[in-house]
C-alpha atoms as a PDB file:
ATOM      1  CA  MET A   1       0.082   0.101  -0.013  1.00  0.00           C
ATOM      2  CA  SER A   2       1.264   3.542  -1.024  1.00  0.00           C
ATOM      3  CA  ILE A   3       2.087   6.054   1.634  1.00  0.00           C
ATOM      4  CA  ILE A   4      -0.694   8.295   0.202  1.00  0.00           C
ATOM      5  CA  LYS A   5      -3.040   5.567   0.705  1.00  0.00           C
ATOM      6  CA  LYS A   6      -2.129   4.847   4.073  1.00  0.00           C
ATOM      7  CA  SER A   7      -2.098   8.538   5.035  1.00  0.00           C
ATOM      8  CA  LEU A   8      -5.790   8.798   3.655  1.00  0.00           C
ATOM      9  CA  LEU A   9      -6.936   5.718   5.740  1.00  0.00           C
ATOM     10  CA  ILE A  10      -5.523   7.212   8.966  1.00  0.00           C
ATOM     11  CA  ILE A  11      -7.117  10.496   8.218  1.00  0.00           C
ATOM     12  CA  GLY A  12     -10.335   8.873   7.296  1.00  0.00           C
ATOM     13  CA  PHE A  13     -10.329   6.679  10.751  1.00  0.00           C
ATOM     14  CA  ALA A  14      -9.454   9.802  12.629  1.00  0.00           C
ATOM     15  CA  PHE A  15     -12.558  11.636  11.133  1.00  0.00           C
ATOM     16  CA  ILE A  16     -14.772   8.778  11.981  1.00  0.00           C
ATOM     17  CA  THR A  17     -13.305   8.541  15.532  1.00  0.00           C
ATOM     18  CA  ILE A  18     -13.861  12.167  16.161  1.00  0.00           C
ATOM     19  CA  SER A  19     -17.361  12.345  14.699  1.00  0.00           C
ATOM     20  CA  TRP A  20     -18.425   9.354  16.779  1.00  0.00           C
ATOM     21  CA  TRP A  21     -17.066  11.058  19.699  1.00  0.00           C
ATOM     22  CA  TRP A  22     -18.557  14.561  19.153  1.00  0.00           C
ATOM     23  CA  ASP A  23     -22.310  14.998  18.687  1.00  0.00           C
ATOM     24  CA  ASP A  24     -22.900  18.295  17.549  1.00  0.00           C
ATOM     25  CA  SER A  25     -26.662  17.685  17.783  1.00  0.00           C
ATOM     26  CA  ILE A  26     -26.153  18.795  21.413  1.00  0.00           C
ATOM     27  CA  CYS A  27     -23.485  21.411  21.393  1.00  0.00           C
ATOM     28  CA  PRO A  28     -21.973  23.414  18.599  1.00  0.00           C
ATOM     29  CA  ASP A  29     -18.374  22.939  20.131  1.00  0.00           C
ATOM     30  CA  ASN A  30     -16.562  21.807  22.849  1.00  0.00           C
ATOM     31  CA  SER A  31     -16.451  25.274  24.902  1.00  0.00           C
ATOM     32  CA  HIS A  32     -19.005  24.284  27.531  1.00  0.00           C
ATOM     33  CA  PRO A  33     -21.356  25.173  29.023  1.00  0.00           C
ATOM     34  CA  HIS A  34     -23.596  26.107  26.267  1.00  0.00           C
ATOM     35  CA  LEU A  35     -27.229  27.369  26.704  1.00  0.00           C
ATOM     36  CA  ILE A  36     -29.604  25.474  24.550  1.00  0.00           C
ATOM     37  CA  ASN A  37     -32.974  26.846  23.338  1.00  0.00           C
ATOM     38  CA  LEU A  38     -35.093  23.795  23.128  1.00  0.00           C
ATOM     39  CA  GLY A  39     -38.112  25.861  21.929  1.00  0.00           C
ATOM     40  CA  LEU A  40     -40.021  25.620  25.272  1.00  0.00           C
ATOM     41  CA  PRO A  41     -43.185  28.084  25.682  1.00  0.00           C
ATOM     42  CA  SER A  42     -41.304  29.888  28.543  1.00  0.00           C
ATOM     43  CA  GLY A  43     -38.385  30.661  26.309  1.00  0.00           C
ATOM     44  CA  ILE A  44     -35.741  29.695  28.830  1.00  0.00           C
ATOM     45  CA  ARG A  45     -32.509  27.934  28.051  1.00  0.00           C
ATOM     46  CA  TRP A  46     -31.057  25.084  29.674  1.00  0.00           C
ATOM     47  CA  SER A  47     -27.302  24.559  30.324  1.00  0.00           C
ATOM     48  CA  CYS A  48     -25.763  21.653  28.312  1.00  0.00           C
ATOM     49  CA  CYS A  49     -23.896  20.502  31.599  1.00  0.00           C
ATOM     50  CA  ASN A  50     -24.615  19.907  35.297  1.00  0.00           C
ATOM     51  CA  VAL A  51     -22.957  22.133  37.945  1.00  0.00           C
ATOM     52  CA  GLY A  52     -19.312  20.880  38.584  1.00  0.00           C
ATOM     53  CA  SER A  53     -19.036  19.300  34.961  1.00  0.00           C
ATOM     54  CA  THR A  54     -17.170  20.436  32.002  1.00  0.00           C
ATOM     55  CA  SER A  55     -19.098  18.342  29.448  1.00  0.00           C
ATOM     56  CA  PRO A  56     -22.735  17.089  28.872  1.00  0.00           C
ATOM     57  CA  GLU A  57     -22.106  13.457  29.798  1.00  0.00           C
ATOM     58  CA  GLN A  58     -20.231  14.264  33.198  1.00  0.00           C
ATOM     59  CA  ILE A  59     -22.423  13.915  36.227  1.00  0.00           C
ATOM     60  CA  GLY A  60     -20.854  16.745  38.233  1.00  0.00           C
ATOM     61  CA  GLY A  61     -21.134  17.471  41.745  1.00  0.00           C
ATOM     62  CA  PHE A  62     -23.682  16.311  44.397  1.00  0.00           C
ATOM     63  CA  TYR A  63     -25.098  18.986  46.593  1.00  0.00           C
ATOM     64  CA  ALA A  64     -27.497  19.205  49.552  1.00  0.00           C
ATOM     65  CA  TRP A  65     -30.181  21.590  48.974  1.00  0.00           C
ATOM     66  CA  GLY A  66     -29.467  25.206  49.609  1.00  0.00           C
ATOM     67  CA  GLU A  67     -25.617  24.130  49.832  1.00  0.00           C
ATOM     68  CA  THR A  68     -22.959  25.433  47.610  1.00  0.00           C
ATOM     69  CA  GLU A  69     -20.172  22.916  48.320  1.00  0.00           C
ATOM     70  CA  ILE A  70     -19.923  19.155  47.879  1.00  0.00           C
ATOM     71  CA  LYS A  71     -19.056  17.178  51.024  1.00  0.00           C
ATOM     72  CA  SER A  72     -18.076  13.804  52.249  1.00  0.00           C
ATOM     73  CA  ASP A  73     -21.226  13.123  54.530  1.00  0.00           C
ATOM     74  CA  TYR A  74     -24.919  13.588  53.215  1.00  0.00           C
ATOM     75  CA  ASP A  75     -27.022  13.215  56.125  1.00  0.00           C
ATOM     76  CA  GLU A  76     -29.011  15.294  58.570  1.00  0.00           C
ATOM     77  CA  LYS A  77     -26.114  15.833  61.096  1.00  0.00           C
ATOM     78  CA  HIS A  78     -24.164  17.478  58.520  1.00  0.00           C
ATOM     79  CA  TYR A  79     -26.818  19.349  56.862  1.00  0.00           C
ATOM     80  CA  LYS A  80     -25.910  23.083  56.881  1.00  0.00           C
ATOM     81  CA  HIS A  81     -29.260  24.487  57.220  1.00  0.00           C
ATOM     82  CA  GLY A  82     -30.906  21.795  59.405  1.00  0.00           C
ATOM     83  CA  GLU A  83     -30.786  24.012  62.588  1.00  0.00           C
ATOM     84  CA  LEU A  84     -33.904  26.221  63.222  1.00  0.00           C
ATOM     85  CA  SER A  85     -31.379  29.367  63.332  1.00  0.00           C
ATOM     86  CA  ASN A  86     -29.901  28.418  60.006  1.00  0.00           C
ATOM     87  CA  GLN A  87     -33.096  27.779  58.004  1.00  0.00           C
ATOM     88  CA  VAL A  88     -32.762  30.952  55.871  1.00  0.00           C
ATOM     89  CA  PRO A  89     -33.012  29.299  52.507  1.00  0.00           C
ATOM     90  CA  GLN A  90     -36.214  27.263  53.637  1.00  0.00           C
ATOM     91  CA  ARG A  91     -37.817  30.494  54.610  1.00  0.00           C
ATOM     92  CA  MET A  92     -37.207  32.190  51.278  1.00  0.00           C
ATOM     93  CA  GLY A  93     -39.058  29.657  49.397  1.00  0.00           C
ATOM     94  CA  ASN A  94     -37.008  29.929  46.164  1.00  0.00           C
ATOM     95  CA  ILE A  95     -33.250  30.200  46.356  1.00  0.00           C
ATOM     96  CA  ALA A  96     -32.741  30.834  42.731  1.00  0.00           C
ATOM     97  CA  GLY A  97     -30.083  33.413  41.981  1.00  0.00           C
ATOM     98  CA  THR A  98     -29.295  33.811  45.672  1.00  0.00           C
ATOM     99  CA  LYS A  99     -26.138  32.911  47.656  1.00  0.00           C
ATOM    100  CA  TYR A 100     -27.758  29.578  48.467  1.00  0.00           C
ATOM    101  CA  ASP A 101     -28.083  28.644  44.834  1.00  0.00           C
ATOM    102  CA  VAL A 102     -25.050  26.648  43.707  1.00  0.00           C
ATOM    103  CA  ALA A 103     -25.563  27.283  39.890  1.00  0.00           C
ATOM    104  CA  HIS A 104     -25.588  30.940  40.490  1.00  0.00           C
ATOM    105  CA  VAL A 105     -22.594  30.860  42.922  1.00  0.00           C
ATOM    106  CA  LYS A 106     -20.339  28.492  40.697  1.00  0.00           C
ATOM    107  CA  MET A 107     -21.333  29.341  37.264  1.00  0.00           C
ATOM    108  CA  LYS A 108     -21.868  33.198  37.820  1.00  0.00           C
ATOM    109  CA  GLY A 109     -23.848  35.294  35.304  1.00  0.00           C
ATOM    110  CA  ALA A 110     -27.608  34.622  34.700  1.00  0.00           C
ATOM    111  CA  LEU A 111     -27.146  30.946  35.429  1.00  0.00           C
ATOM    112  CA  LYS A 112     -29.357  29.672  38.193  1.00  0.00           C
ATOM    113  CA  MET A 113     -31.060  26.447  39.556  1.00  0.00           C
ATOM    114  CA  ALA A 114     -34.293  25.143  37.602  1.00  0.00           C
ATOM    115  CA  SER A 115     -37.412  25.567  39.361  1.00  0.00           C
ATOM    116  CA  SER A 116     -39.964  22.812  39.783  1.00  0.00           C
ATOM    117  CA  LYS A 117     -42.120  24.588  37.156  1.00  0.00           C
ATOM    118  CA  GLN A 118     -39.287  24.614  34.848  1.00  0.00           C
ATOM    119  CA  TRP A 119     -38.627  21.020  35.389  1.00  0.00           C
ATOM    120  CA  GLN A 120     -42.265  20.173  34.652  1.00  0.00           C
ATOM    121  CA  GLU A 121     -42.131  22.254  31.563  1.00  0.00           C
ATOM    122  CA  LEU A 122     -39.311  20.143  30.431  1.00  0.00           C
ATOM    123  CA  ILE A 123     -41.227  16.976  31.048  1.00  0.00           C
ATOM    124  CA  ASP A 124     -44.559  18.183  29.484  1.00  0.00           C
ATOM    125  CA  ASN A 125     -43.019  19.653  26.157  1.00  0.00           C
ATOM    126  CA  CYS A 126     -40.066  17.134  25.272  1.00  0.00           C
ATOM    127  CA  SER A 127     -39.412  13.803  24.217  1.00  0.00           C
ATOM    128  CA  TRP A 128     -37.309  11.607  26.625  1.00  0.00           C
ATOM    129  CA  LYS A 129     -35.061   8.621  25.567  1.00  0.00           C
ATOM    130  CA  TRP A 130     -32.903   6.483  27.597  1.00  0.00           C
ATOM    131  CA  THR A 131     -29.575   6.394  25.931  1.00  0.00           C
ATOM    132  CA  SER A 132     -25.870   6.301  26.326  1.00  0.00           C
ATOM    133  CA  TYR A 133     -23.821   9.276  25.214  1.00  0.00           C
ATOM    134  CA  ARG A 134     -20.153   9.020  25.278  1.00  0.00           C
ATOM    135  CA  GLY A 135     -20.109   6.014  27.437  1.00  0.00           C
ATOM    136  CA  LYS A 136     -22.458   7.398  30.098  1.00  0.00           C
ATOM    137  CA  TYR A 137     -26.255   6.659  30.456  1.00  0.00           C
ATOM    138  CA  GLY A 138     -29.113   8.976  30.952  1.00  0.00           C
ATOM    139  CA  ARG A 139     -32.013  10.710  29.008  1.00  0.00           C
ATOM    140  CA  MET A 140     -31.568  12.473  25.883  1.00  0.00           C
ATOM    141  CA  VAL A 141     -34.186  15.311  26.027  1.00  0.00           C
ATOM    142  CA  THR A 142     -35.408  16.660  22.524  1.00  0.00           C
ATOM    143  CA  GLY A 143     -37.266  19.929  22.497  1.00  0.00           C
ATOM    144  CA  PRO A 144     -40.047  21.075  20.237  1.00  0.00           C
ATOM    145  CA  ASN A 145     -37.552  22.806  17.858  1.00  0.00           C
ATOM    146  CA  GLY A 146     -35.415  19.548  17.732  1.00  0.00           C
ATOM    147  CA  LYS A 147     -32.400  20.878  19.909  1.00  0.00           C
ATOM    148  CA  LYS A 148     -31.192  18.398  22.493  1.00  0.00           C
ATOM    149  CA  ILE A 149     -29.593  18.232  25.958  1.00  0.00           C
ATOM    150  CA  PHE A 150     -28.381  15.071  27.859  1.00  0.00           C
ATOM    151  CA  ILE A 151     -29.260  14.739  31.519  1.00  0.00           C
ATOM    152  CA  PRO A 152     -26.911  12.093  33.047  1.00  0.00           C
ATOM    153  CA  ALA A 153     -28.099   9.387  35.253  1.00  0.00           C
ATOM    154  CA  GLY A 154     -26.004  10.154  38.391  1.00  0.00           C
ATOM    155  CA  GLY A 155     -28.053   8.844  40.975  1.00  0.00           C
ATOM    156  CA  GLU A 156     -27.974  10.165  44.438  1.00  0.00           C
ATOM    157  CA  LYS A 157     -25.609  10.246  47.613  1.00  0.00           C
ATOM    158  CA  TYR A 158     -26.345   9.370  51.031  1.00  0.00           C
ATOM    159  CA  GLY A 159     -24.378   9.310  54.250  1.00  0.00           C
ATOM    160  CA  ARG A 160     -20.749   8.882  53.927  1.00  0.00           C
ATOM    161  CA  THR A 161     -20.306   5.941  51.431  1.00  0.00           C
ATOM    162  CA  GLU A 162     -23.873   5.278  49.811  1.00  0.00           C
ATOM    163  CA  TRP A 163     -24.025   6.195  46.126  1.00  0.00           C
ATOM    164  CA  SER A 164     -27.275   4.891  44.740  1.00  0.00           C
ATOM    165  CA  GLY A 165     -28.658   4.643  41.143  1.00  0.00           C
ATOM    166  CA  LYS A 166     -25.601   5.616  39.176  1.00  0.00           C
ATOM    167  CA  ASN A 167     -26.334   4.889  35.451  1.00  0.00           C
ATOM    168  CA  GLU A 168     -29.817   3.869  36.401  1.00  0.00           C
ATOM    169  CA  ARG A 169     -31.699   7.096  37.513  1.00  0.00           C
ATOM    170  CA  GLY A 170     -31.508  10.825  37.855  1.00  0.00           C
ATOM    171  CA  ALA A 171     -32.057  12.884  40.913  1.00  0.00           C
ATOM    172  CA  TYR A 172     -31.960  16.645  40.442  1.00  0.00           C
ATOM    173  CA  TRP A 173     -32.839  19.572  42.952  1.00  0.00           C
ATOM    174  CA  SER A 174     -35.246  22.283  42.079  1.00  0.00           C
ATOM    175  CA  SER A 175     -34.640  25.849  43.495  1.00  0.00           C
ATOM    176  CA  ASP A 176     -37.967  25.994  45.225  1.00  0.00           C
ATOM    177  CA  ILE A 177     -39.403  24.412  48.460  1.00  0.00           C
ATOM    178  CA  LYS A 178     -42.965  23.323  49.469  1.00  0.00           C
ATOM    179  CA  ASP A 179     -44.358  24.796  52.793  1.00  0.00           C
ATOM    180  CA  ARG A 180     -40.776  25.709  53.885  1.00  0.00           C
ATOM    181  CA  LYS A 181     -40.121  22.118  54.782  1.00  0.00           C
ATOM    182  CA  HIS A 182     -39.864  20.038  51.565  1.00  0.00           C
ATOM    183  CA  PRO A 183     -37.695  21.004  48.598  1.00  0.00           C
ATOM    184  CA  TYR A 184     -38.776  19.866  45.171  1.00  0.00           C
ATOM    185  CA  GLN A 185     -36.835  17.332  43.337  1.00  0.00           C
ATOM    186  CA  PHE A 186     -37.001  16.310  39.572  1.00  0.00           C
ATOM    187  CA  ARG A 187     -36.167  12.612  39.003  1.00  0.00           C
ATOM    188  CA  PHE A 188     -36.227  10.026  36.262  1.00  0.00           C
ATOM    189  CA  HIS A 189     -36.124   6.092  36.580  1.00  0.00           C
ATOM    190  CA  ASP A 190     -37.752   3.203  34.781  1.00  0.00           C
ATOM    191  CA  GLY A 191     -39.682   5.576  32.413  1.00  0.00           C
ATOM    192  CA  ILE A 192     -40.966   7.695  34.902  1.00  0.00           C
ATOM    193  CA  TYR A 193     -40.308  11.474  35.085  1.00  0.00           C
ATOM    194  CA  GLU A 194     -41.591  13.542  37.733  1.00  0.00           C
ATOM    195  CA  VAL A 195     -41.228  16.528  40.056  1.00  0.00           C
ATOM    196  CA  ARG A 196     -42.181  15.888  43.695  1.00  0.00           C
ATOM    197  CA  SER A 197     -41.496  17.321  47.077  1.00  0.00           C
ATOM    198  CA  ILE A 198     -39.505  15.181  49.560  1.00  0.00           C
ATOM    199  CA  ASN A 199     -39.436  14.951  53.291  1.00  0.00           C
ATOM    200  CA  ARG A 200     -35.638  15.345  53.783  1.00  0.00           C
ATOM    201  CA  PHE A 201     -33.082  17.864  53.091  1.00  0.00           C
ATOM    202  CA  ASN A 202     -29.813  16.000  53.512  1.00  0.00           C
ATOM    203  CA  PRO A 203     -29.231  13.918  50.332  1.00  0.00           C
ATOM    204  CA  GLY A 204     -26.820  14.779  47.540  1.00  0.00           C
ATOM    205  CA  PHE A 205     -28.453  15.510  44.257  1.00  0.00           C
ATOM    206  CA  ASN A 206     -27.147  16.984  40.977  1.00  0.00           C
ATOM    207  CA  ILE A 207     -28.063  20.631  39.717  1.00  0.00           C
ATOM    208  CA  ARG A 208     -28.886  21.375  36.081  1.00  0.00           C
ATOM    209  CA  PRO A 209     -29.010  25.097  35.616  1.00  0.00           C
ATOM    210  CA  VAL A 210     -31.129  27.501  33.273  1.00  0.00           C
ATOM    211  CA  VAL A 211     -31.209  30.911  32.028  1.00  0.00           C
ATOM    212  CA  GLU A 212     -34.451  32.857  31.940  1.00  0.00           C
ATOM    213  CA  ARG A 213     -35.002  34.980  28.603  1.00  0.00           C
END
């Protein structure tokens, strides 16, 4: 085989490899995060990445509701806002855009945590498909205009060592809280997509930011 033919084969193989690895139907380039307009009625844009990640398939950080740092113990004892005197974020009702909003703190600018209403809009107006993207499992979410975001199935963290549901289900905090007691959570598993309020503030969930128009 001639040197020219070998070179062409190598270039072709490299092109196929790059094309497989990079899916520009989600992001136009590798400069994350991108703000994706899915064509939703509200006009909000969703970040292509979780807080703490640098690409769409990465899970990112796990955070307790109203906290802005990852930690080693996700339990009631180590929850920063558990004491009555420290329950400022609970009394606020919605922490989006405040110092208790990890998306706003970590990613700056107009990015903030999605609310339960915004998660519900995503459920109601998009198609959801369980898939593997760059070797990670999660849901590919396609908006009314055909644009996509990938939401990885990161599971959730409890206590010091328990990491449940990785590559099986997703658990994401919302910015708002019901009755100042039960923060809203978005989750998907086994074909179920739902927003619900939960009874405990201590587990570690992922965060996906949005930008309002």
